[in-house]
PDB file of N, CA and C in Angstrom:
ATOM      1  N   UNK A   1     -23.120 -24.149  48.319  1.00  0.00           N
ATOM      2  CA  UNK A   1     -23.409 -23.947  46.913  1.00  0.00           C
ATOM      3  C   UNK A   1     -24.916 -24.068  46.733  1.00  0.00           C
ATOM      4  N   UNK A   2     -25.480 -23.101  46.053  1.00  0.00           N
ATOM      5  CA  UNK A   2     -26.928 -23.143  45.852  1.00  0.00           C
ATOM      6  C   UNK A   2     -27.298 -24.226  44.840  1.00  0.00           C
ATOM      7  N   UNK A   3     -28.501 -24.721  44.961  1.00  0.00           N
ATOM      8  CA  UNK A   3     -28.969 -25.769  44.047  1.00  0.00           C
ATOM      9  C   UNK A   3     -29.011 -25.256  42.608  1.00  0.00           C
ATOM     10  N   UNK A   4     -29.425 -24.004  42.426  1.00  0.00           N
ATOM     11  CA  UNK A   4     -29.486 -23.439  41.073  1.00  0.00           C
ATOM     12  C   UNK A   4     -28.094 -23.379  40.450  1.00  0.00           C
ATOM     13  N   UNK A   5     -27.098 -22.940  41.238  1.00  0.00           N
ATOM     14  CA  UNK A   5     -25.734 -22.892  40.720  1.00  0.00           C
ATOM     15  C   UNK A   5     -25.241 -24.292  40.376  1.00  0.00           C
ATOM     16  N   UNK A   6     -25.467 -25.231  41.275  1.00  0.00           N
ATOM     17  CA  UNK A   6     -25.001 -26.601  41.060  1.00  0.00           C
ATOM     18  C   UNK A   6     -25.622 -27.204  39.801  1.00  0.00           C
ATOM     19  N   UNK A   7     -26.910 -26.973  39.605  1.00  0.00           N
ATOM     20  CA  UNK A   7     -27.595 -27.493  38.426  1.00  0.00           C
ATOM     21  C   UNK A   7     -27.042 -26.872  37.148  1.00  0.00           C
ATOM     22  N   UNK A   8     -26.859 -25.569  37.161  1.00  0.00           N
ATOM     23  CA  UNK A   8     -26.330 -24.882  35.972  1.00  0.00           C
ATOM     24  C   UNK A   8     -24.883 -25.267  35.702  1.00  0.00           C
ATOM     25  N   UNK A   9     -24.075 -25.389  36.758  1.00  0.00           N
ATOM     26  CA  UNK A   9     -22.675 -25.778  36.590  1.00  0.00           C
ATOM     27  C   UNK A   9     -22.575 -27.187  36.017  1.00  0.00           C
ATOM     28  N   UNK A  10     -23.410 -28.092  36.491  1.00  0.00           N
ATOM     29  CA  UNK A  10     -23.404 -29.455  35.974  1.00  0.00           C
ATOM     30  C   UNK A  10     -23.819 -29.485  34.503  1.00  0.00           C
ATOM     31  N   UNK A  11     -24.831 -28.692  34.157  1.00  0.00           N
ATOM     32  CA  UNK A  11     -25.274 -28.619  32.761  1.00  0.00           C
ATOM     33  C   UNK A  11     -24.161 -28.064  31.865  1.00  0.00           C
ATOM     34  N   UNK A  12     -23.489 -27.017  32.335  1.00  0.00           N
ATOM     35  CA  UNK A  12     -22.404 -26.430  31.562  1.00  0.00           C
ATOM     36  C   UNK A  12     -21.217 -27.385  31.449  1.00  0.00           C
ATOM     37  N   UNK A  13     -20.960 -28.158  32.500  1.00  0.00           N
ATOM     38  CA  UNK A  13     -19.900 -29.168  32.433  1.00  0.00           C
ATOM     39  C   UNK A  13     -20.220 -30.193  31.358  1.00  0.00           C
ATOM     40  N   UNK A  14     -21.487 -30.572  31.263  1.00  0.00           N
ATOM     41  CA  UNK A  14     -21.902 -31.504  30.222  1.00  0.00           C
ATOM     42  C   UNK A  14     -21.720 -30.929  28.834  1.00  0.00           C
ATOM     43  N   UNK A  15     -22.064 -29.665  28.664  1.00  0.00           N
ATOM     44  CA  UNK A  15     -21.884 -28.992  27.369  1.00  0.00           C
ATOM     45  C   UNK A  15     -20.402 -28.929  27.022  1.00  0.00           C
ATOM     46  N   UNK A  16     -19.571 -28.557  27.993  1.00  0.00           N
ATOM     47  CA  UNK A  16     -18.127 -28.476  27.753  1.00  0.00           C
ATOM     48  C   UNK A  16     -17.575 -29.843  27.374  1.00  0.00           C
ATOM     49  N   UNK A  17     -18.060 -30.876  28.035  1.00  0.00           N
ATOM     50  CA  UNK A  17     -17.613 -32.222  27.699  1.00  0.00           C
ATOM     51  C   UNK A  17     -18.054 -32.648  26.310  1.00  0.00           C
ATOM     52  N   UNK A  18     -19.297 -32.368  25.983  1.00  0.00           N
ATOM     53  CA  UNK A  18     -19.849 -32.772  24.686  1.00  0.00           C
ATOM     54  C   UNK A  18     -19.242 -31.997  23.528  1.00  0.00           C
ATOM     55  N   UNK A  19     -19.226 -30.678  23.635  1.00  0.00           N
ATOM     56  CA  UNK A  19     -18.774 -29.846  22.521  1.00  0.00           C
ATOM     57  C   UNK A  19     -17.266 -29.673  22.445  1.00  0.00           C
ATOM     58  N   UNK A  20     -16.614 -29.630  23.610  1.00  0.00           N
ATOM     59  CA  UNK A  20     -15.189 -29.319  23.634  1.00  0.00           C
ATOM     60  C   UNK A  20     -14.321 -30.527  23.933  1.00  0.00           C
ATOM     61  N   UNK A  21     -14.929 -31.610  24.365  1.00  0.00           N
ATOM     62  CA  UNK A  21     -14.169 -32.794  24.709  1.00  0.00           C
ATOM     63  C   UNK A  21     -13.443 -32.681  26.048  1.00  0.00           C
ATOM     64  N   UNK A  22     -13.885 -31.727  26.873  1.00  0.00           N
ATOM     65  CA  UNK A  22     -13.240 -31.514  28.170  1.00  0.00           C
ATOM     66  C   UNK A  22     -13.679 -32.584  29.148  1.00  0.00           C
ATOM     67  N   UNK A  23     -12.726 -33.069  29.930  1.00  0.00           N
ATOM     68  CA  UNK A  23     -13.034 -33.954  31.057  1.00  0.00           C
ATOM     69  C   UNK A  23     -13.461 -33.067  32.226  1.00  0.00           C
ATOM     70  N   UNK A  24     -14.133 -33.645  33.227  1.00  0.00           N
ATOM     71  CA  UNK A  24     -14.591 -32.813  34.352  1.00  0.00           C
ATOM     72  C   UNK A  24     -13.480 -31.989  35.001  1.00  0.00           C
ATOM     73  N   UNK A  25     -12.283 -32.569  35.177  1.00  0.00           N
ATOM     74  CA  UNK A  25     -11.209 -31.797  35.821  1.00  0.00           C
ATOM     75  C   UNK A  25     -10.764 -30.621  34.960  1.00  0.00           C
ATOM     76  N   UNK A  26     -10.815 -30.762  33.646  1.00  0.00           N
ATOM     77  CA  UNK A  26     -10.462 -29.649  32.765  1.00  0.00           C
ATOM     78  C   UNK A  26     -11.496 -28.527  32.875  1.00  0.00           C
ATOM     79  N   UNK A  27     -12.752 -28.902  32.967  1.00  0.00           N
ATOM     80  CA  UNK A  27     -13.813 -27.907  33.126  1.00  0.00           C
ATOM     81  C   UNK A  27     -13.655 -27.155  34.446  1.00  0.00           C
ATOM     82  N   UNK A  28     -13.465 -27.878  35.537  1.00  0.00           N
ATOM     83  CA  UNK A  28     -13.414 -27.246  36.852  1.00  0.00           C
ATOM     84  C   UNK A  28     -12.137 -26.438  37.060  1.00  0.00           C
ATOM     85  N   UNK A  29     -11.057 -26.742  36.318  1.00  0.00           N
ATOM     86  CA  UNK A  29      -9.823 -25.948  36.429  1.00  0.00           C
ATOM     87  C   UNK A  29      -9.888 -24.675  35.601  1.00  0.00           C
ATOM     88  N   UNK A  30     -10.766 -24.612  34.619  1.00  0.00           N
ATOM     89  CA  UNK A  30     -10.871 -23.440  33.753  1.00  0.00           C
ATOM     90  C   UNK A  30     -11.486 -22.268  34.517  1.00  0.00           C
ATOM     91  N   UNK A  31     -10.999 -21.084  34.210  1.00  0.00           N
ATOM     92  CA  UNK A  31     -11.600 -19.890  34.799  1.00  0.00           C
ATOM     93  C   UNK A  31     -12.874 -19.548  34.016  1.00  0.00           C
ATOM     94  N   UNK A  32     -13.767 -18.780  34.606  1.00  0.00           N
ATOM     95  CA  UNK A  32     -14.959 -18.366  33.853  1.00  0.00           C
ATOM     96  C   UNK A  32     -14.607 -17.637  32.556  1.00  0.00           C
ATOM     97  N   UNK A  33     -13.569 -16.808  32.584  1.00  0.00           N
ATOM     98  CA  UNK A  33     -13.160 -16.094  31.362  1.00  0.00           C
ATOM     99  C   UNK A  33     -12.658 -17.063  30.298  1.00  0.00           C
ATOM    100  N   UNK A  34     -11.898 -18.093  30.705  1.00  0.00           N
ATOM    101  CA  UNK A  34     -11.410 -19.087  29.745  1.00  0.00           C
ATOM    102  C   UNK A  34     -12.574 -19.846  29.123  1.00  0.00           C
ATOM    103  N   UNK A  35     -13.503 -20.261  29.948  1.00  0.00           N
ATOM    104  CA  UNK A  35     -14.663 -20.989  29.442  1.00  0.00           C
ATOM    105  C   UNK A  35     -15.485 -20.119  28.502  1.00  0.00           C
ATOM    106  N   UNK A  36     -15.696 -18.863  28.872  1.00  0.00           N
ATOM    107  CA  UNK A  36     -16.454 -17.951  28.008  1.00  0.00           C
ATOM    108  C   UNK A  36     -15.758 -17.749  26.666  1.00  0.00           C
ATOM    109  N   UNK A  37     -14.444 -17.603  26.692  1.00  0.00           N
ATOM    110  CA  UNK A  37     -13.695 -17.399  25.443  1.00  0.00           C
ATOM    111  C   UNK A  37     -13.790 -18.625  24.543  1.00  0.00           C
ATOM    112  N   UNK A  38     -13.668 -19.812  25.120  1.00  0.00           N
ATOM    113  CA  UNK A  38     -13.746 -21.042  24.334  1.00  0.00           C
ATOM    114  C   UNK A  38     -15.151 -21.238  23.776  1.00  0.00           C
ATOM    115  N   UNK A  39     -16.156 -20.975  24.592  1.00  0.00           N
ATOM    116  CA  UNK A  39     -17.528 -21.133  24.120  1.00  0.00           C
ATOM    117  C   UNK A  39     -17.838 -20.120  23.012  1.00  0.00           C
ATOM    118  N   UNK A  40     -17.334 -18.904  23.147  1.00  0.00           N
ATOM    119  CA  UNK A  40     -17.527 -17.888  22.106  1.00  0.00           C
ATOM    120  C   UNK A  40     -16.857 -18.323  20.803  1.00  0.00           C
ATOM    121  N   UNK A  41     -15.649 -18.849  20.909  1.00  0.00           N
ATOM    122  CA  UNK A  41     -14.945 -19.324  19.712  1.00  0.00           C
ATOM    123  C   UNK A  41     -15.685 -20.509  19.091  1.00  0.00           C
ATOM    124  N   UNK A  42     -16.214 -21.405  19.923  1.00  0.00           N
ATOM    125  CA  UNK A  42     -16.922 -22.578  19.419  1.00  0.00           C
ATOM    126  C   UNK A  42     -18.193 -22.202  18.670  1.00  0.00           C
ATOM    127  N   UNK A  43     -18.823 -21.120  19.087  1.00  0.00           N
ATOM    128  CA  UNK A  43     -20.053 -20.720  18.393  1.00  0.00           C
ATOM    129  C   UNK A  43     -19.772 -19.824  17.197  1.00  0.00           C
ATOM    130  N   UNK A  44     -18.482 -19.521  16.957  1.00  0.00           N
ATOM    131  CA  UNK A  44     -18.113 -18.740  15.785  1.00  0.00           C
ATOM    132  C   UNK A  44     -18.296 -17.257  15.967  1.00  0.00           C
ATOM    133  N   UNK A  45     -18.081 -16.776  17.173  1.00  0.00           N
ATOM    134  CA  UNK A  45     -18.229 -15.344  17.450  1.00  0.00           C
ATOM    135  C   UNK A  45     -17.310 -14.500  16.588  1.00  0.00           C
ATOM    136  N   UNK A  46     -17.800 -13.355  16.166  1.00  0.00           N
ATOM    137  CA  UNK A  46     -17.044 -12.483  15.276  1.00  0.00           C
ATOM    138  C   UNK A  46     -15.905 -11.759  15.982  1.00  0.00           C
ATOM    139  N   UNK A  47     -16.005 -11.601  17.302  1.00  0.00           N
ATOM    140  CA  UNK A  47     -14.999 -10.842  18.036  1.00  0.00           C
ATOM    141  C   UNK A  47     -13.821 -11.692  18.487  1.00  0.00           C
ATOM    142  N   UNK A  48     -13.754 -12.952  18.063  1.00  0.00           N
ATOM    143  CA  UNK A  48     -12.688 -13.845  18.495  1.00  0.00           C
ATOM    144  C   UNK A  48     -11.450 -13.587  17.655  1.00  0.00           C
ATOM    145  N   UNK A  49     -10.385 -13.208  18.320  1.00  0.00           N
ATOM    146  CA  UNK A  49      -9.122 -12.961  17.625  1.00  0.00           C
ATOM    147  C   UNK A  49      -8.174 -14.108  17.899  1.00  0.00           C
ATOM    148  N   UNK A  50      -7.414 -14.489  16.911  1.00  0.00           N
ATOM    149  CA  UNK A  50      -6.432 -15.548  17.075  1.00  0.00           C
ATOM    150  C   UNK A  50      -5.160 -15.032  17.732  1.00  0.00           C
ATOM    151  N   UNK A  51      -4.320 -15.952  18.129  1.00  0.00           N
ATOM    152  CA  UNK A  51      -3.022 -15.615  18.702  1.00  0.00           C
ATOM    153  C   UNK A  51      -1.975 -16.067  17.701  1.00  0.00           C
ATOM    154  N   UNK A  52      -1.048 -15.165  17.371  1.00  0.00           N
ATOM    155  CA  UNK A  52      -0.022 -15.578  16.421  1.00  0.00           C
ATOM    156  C   UNK A  52       0.960 -16.521  17.107  1.00  0.00           C
ATOM    157  N   UNK A  53       1.671 -17.303  16.323  1.00  0.00           N
ATOM    158  CA  UNK A  53       2.579 -18.317  16.843  1.00  0.00           C
ATOM    159  C   UNK A  53       3.644 -17.767  17.757  1.00  0.00           C
ATOM    160  N   UNK A  54       4.170 -16.596  17.438  1.00  0.00           N
ATOM    161  CA  UNK A  54       5.220 -15.979  18.259  1.00  0.00           C
ATOM    162  C   UNK A  54       4.685 -15.607  19.647  1.00  0.00           C
ATOM    163  N   UNK A  55       3.503 -15.029  19.693  1.00  0.00           N
ATOM    164  CA  UNK A  55       2.892 -14.664  20.974  1.00  0.00           C
ATOM    165  C   UNK A  55       2.585 -15.908  21.791  1.00  0.00           C
ATOM    166  N   UNK A  56       2.109 -16.954  21.129  1.00  0.00           N
ATOM    167  CA  UNK A  56       1.819 -18.200  21.822  1.00  0.00           C
ATOM    168  C   UNK A  56       3.101 -18.806  22.403  1.00  0.00           C
ATOM    169  N   UNK A  57       4.175 -18.791  21.652  1.00  0.00           N
ATOM    170  CA  UNK A  57       5.453 -19.326  22.139  1.00  0.00           C
ATOM    171  C   UNK A  57       5.938 -18.543  23.356  1.00  0.00           C
ATOM    172  N   UNK A  58       5.779 -17.222  23.339  1.00  0.00           N
ATOM    173  CA  UNK A  58       6.183 -16.392  24.501  1.00  0.00           C
ATOM    174  C   UNK A  58       5.351 -16.742  25.727  1.00  0.00           C
ATOM    175  N   UNK A  59       4.036 -16.894  25.538  1.00  0.00           N
ATOM    176  CA  UNK A  59       3.170 -17.248  26.656  1.00  0.00           C
ATOM    177  C   UNK A  59       3.523 -18.625  27.223  1.00  0.00           C
ATOM    178  N   UNK A  60       3.784 -19.578  26.328  1.00  0.00           N
ATOM    179  CA  UNK A  60       4.116 -20.922  26.782  1.00  0.00           C
ATOM    180  C   UNK A  60       5.445 -20.936  27.523  1.00  0.00           C
ATOM    181  N   UNK A  61       6.400 -20.124  27.087  1.00  0.00           N
ATOM    182  CA  UNK A  61       7.691 -20.048  27.782  1.00  0.00           C
ATOM    183  C   UNK A  61       7.531 -19.384  29.154  1.00  0.00           C
ATOM    184  N   UNK A  62       6.662 -18.398  29.240  1.00  0.00           N
ATOM    185  CA  UNK A  62       6.450 -17.693  30.501  1.00  0.00           C
ATOM    186  C   UNK A  62       5.649 -18.530  31.498  1.00  0.00           C
ATOM    187  N   UNK A  63       4.774 -19.400  30.990  1.00  0.00           N
ATOM    188  CA  UNK A  63       3.914 -20.212  31.856  1.00  0.00           C
ATOM    189  C   UNK A  63       3.963 -21.675  31.410  1.00  0.00           C
ATOM    190  N   UNK A  64       5.051 -22.373  31.709  1.00  0.00           N
ATOM    191  CA  UNK A  64       5.225 -23.740  31.200  1.00  0.00           C
ATOM    192  C   UNK A  64       4.260 -24.771  31.766  1.00  0.00           C
ATOM    193  N   UNK A  65       3.581 -24.459  32.849  1.00  0.00           N
ATOM    194  CA  UNK A  65       2.652 -25.442  33.399  1.00  0.00           C
ATOM    195  C   UNK A  65       1.340 -25.367  32.680  1.00  0.00           C
TER     196      UNK A  65
END
């Protein structure tokens, strides 16, 4: 792992912990797309669409873990 990547990843982990309340294991388990989506929603991005309750229930049933 390059030093630049490690430094940036650590900084982003700190931001995720501070702004999102994520613990380190939650940050490291998240995919880059998941982290980007959450950060976009946190900053109030206009392109963020919600998920309706029915769609969320289907996803949770399909992926219970």
